[in-house]
Amino acid sequence: NFLRLSFLIRTPYFSSQEDKSERWEGQGIGFVLHFDQNHRFHLARTYIHESDNSNISLLKNGVAYILNTEKDMLNYSYGNWAEMARVLLNAVERKKEYLRYLKQM
């Protein structure tokens, strides 16, 4: 059983456009990462394409929390998309491990 995660990098150019919709068609959990004109990370926001349950909410909120607290790593990796992918994957893996730990308790 898989859950699809999507990440959208939102820069000031896209934020200034008329259609500011942060939602796009898809499945699973979506994360929107907001950066300013100097490529500094400001905020990770989330939404869910499918029914929400407690495990999905914990994963969604936990990953967003990790991303919002690791601004330096996101600032550093902006433009180096392989590094950015590693930072995002690391946040997801850390939260998944924590959820596995809770499940065993």
Protein backbone atom coordinates (compact mmCIF):
# COMPACT_ATOMS: atom_id res chain seq x y z
CA ASN A 1 0.00 0.00 0.00
CA PHE A 2 1.58 3.27 -1.17
CA LEU A 3 0.83 6.91 -0.50
CA ARG A 4 1.87 9.44 -3.13
CA LEU A 5 3.67 12.58 -1.91
CA SER A 6 3.99 15.64 -4.15
CA PHE A 7 6.21 18.68 -3.64
CA LEU A 8 5.70 22.05 -5.34
CA ILE A 9 8.35 24.77 -5.06
CA ARG A 10 6.56 28.12 -5.05
CA THR A 11 8.68 31.17 -5.88
CA PRO A 12 7.56 34.84 -5.77
CA TYR A 13 6.99 34.79 -9.55
CA PHE A 14 4.33 32.11 -9.25
CA SER A 15 2.87 33.67 -6.10
CA SER A 16 2.31 36.95 -7.98
CA GLN A 17 0.29 35.31 -10.78
CA GLU A 18 -3.50 35.70 -10.94
CA ASP A 19 -4.24 32.03 -10.29
CA LYS A 20 -2.74 31.52 -6.87
CA SER A 21 -4.24 28.08 -6.48
CA GLU A 22 -1.83 25.81 -4.68
CA ARG A 23 -3.76 22.70 -5.54
CA TRP A 24 -3.12 20.59 -8.56
CA GLU A 25 -4.69 17.35 -9.66
CA GLY A 26 -3.14 14.30 -8.12
CA GLN A 27 -3.32 11.82 -5.31
CA GLY A 28 -1.95 11.55 -1.80
CA ILE A 29 -0.39 14.38 0.18
CA GLY A 30 0.81 17.61 -1.39
CA PHE A 31 3.45 19.92 0.06
CA VAL A 32 3.94 23.51 -1.13
CA LEU A 33 7.34 25.01 -0.29
CA HIS A 34 7.36 28.84 -0.32
CA PHE A 35 10.63 30.63 -1.19
CA ASP A 36 11.27 34.38 -1.52
CA GLN A 37 13.06 36.23 -4.33
CA ASN A 38 16.42 35.52 -2.66
CA HIS A 39 15.68 31.78 -2.63
CA ARG A 40 15.19 31.74 1.14
CA PHE A 41 12.69 29.21 2.40
CA HIS A 42 9.75 30.60 4.37
CA LEU A 43 7.01 28.02 4.83
CA ALA A 44 5.86 24.50 3.98
CA ARG A 45 2.10 24.06 3.60
CA THR A 46 0.20 20.83 3.07
CA TYR A 47 -3.04 19.46 1.68
CA ILE A 48 -4.49 16.01 1.13
CA HIS A 49 -6.07 14.72 -2.09
CA GLU A 50 -7.80 11.77 -0.48
CA SER A 51 -9.58 10.95 2.73
CA ASP A 52 -7.70 11.97 5.82
CA ASN A 53 -7.05 9.57 8.67
CA SER A 54 -4.95 9.88 11.80
CA ASN A 55 -1.84 8.21 10.31
CA ILE A 56 -1.94 10.37 7.19
CA SER A 57 -2.44 13.48 9.33
CA LEU A 58 0.51 12.55 11.54
CA LEU A 59 2.71 12.01 8.48
CA LYS A 60 1.55 15.19 6.74
CA ASN A 61 1.91 17.42 9.79
CA GLY A 62 5.17 15.79 10.89
CA VAL A 63 6.89 16.22 7.53
CA ALA A 64 5.70 19.85 7.30
CA TYR A 65 7.04 20.48 10.83
CA ILE A 66 10.44 18.99 9.96
CA LEU A 67 10.66 21.06 6.76
CA ASN A 68 9.64 24.25 8.60
CA THR A 69 12.33 23.69 11.23
CA GLU A 70 15.10 22.87 8.74
CA LYS A 71 15.06 26.13 6.81
CA ASP A 72 18.85 26.28 6.51
CA MET A 73 18.99 22.95 4.68
CA LEU A 74 16.28 24.05 2.24
CA ASN A 75 17.98 27.43 1.69
CA TYR A 76 21.29 25.69 1.02
CA SER A 77 19.85 23.17 -1.42
CA TYR A 78 17.76 25.61 -3.49
CA GLY A 79 18.82 25.24 -7.13
CA ASN A 80 20.63 21.96 -6.49
CA TRP A 81 17.60 19.76 -7.10
CA ALA A 82 19.34 16.48 -6.29
CA GLU A 83 20.26 17.88 -2.87
CA MET A 84 16.75 19.31 -2.44
CA ALA A 85 15.31 15.86 -3.18
CA ARG A 86 17.59 14.35 -0.51
CA VAL A 87 16.41 16.91 2.07
CA LEU A 88 12.75 16.22 1.27
CA LEU A 89 13.22 12.45 1.31
CA ASN A 90 15.10 12.65 4.61
CA ALA A 91 12.18 14.55 6.21
CA VAL A 92 9.71 11.89 5.02
CA GLU A 93 11.92 9.00 6.15
CA ARG A 94 12.48 10.54 9.59
CA LYS A 95 8.75 10.92 10.14
CA LYS A 96 8.01 7.40 8.86
CA GLU A 97 10.55 5.96 11.32
CA TYR A 98 8.94 7.88 14.17
CA LEU A 99 5.48 6.58 13.19
CA ARG A 100 6.84 3.01 13.11
CA TYR A 101 8.27 3.54 16.59
CA LEU A 102 4.91 4.77 17.89
CA LYS A 103 3.12 1.82 16.33
CA GLN A 104 5.39 -0.62 18.22
CA MET A 105 4.71 0.99 21.60
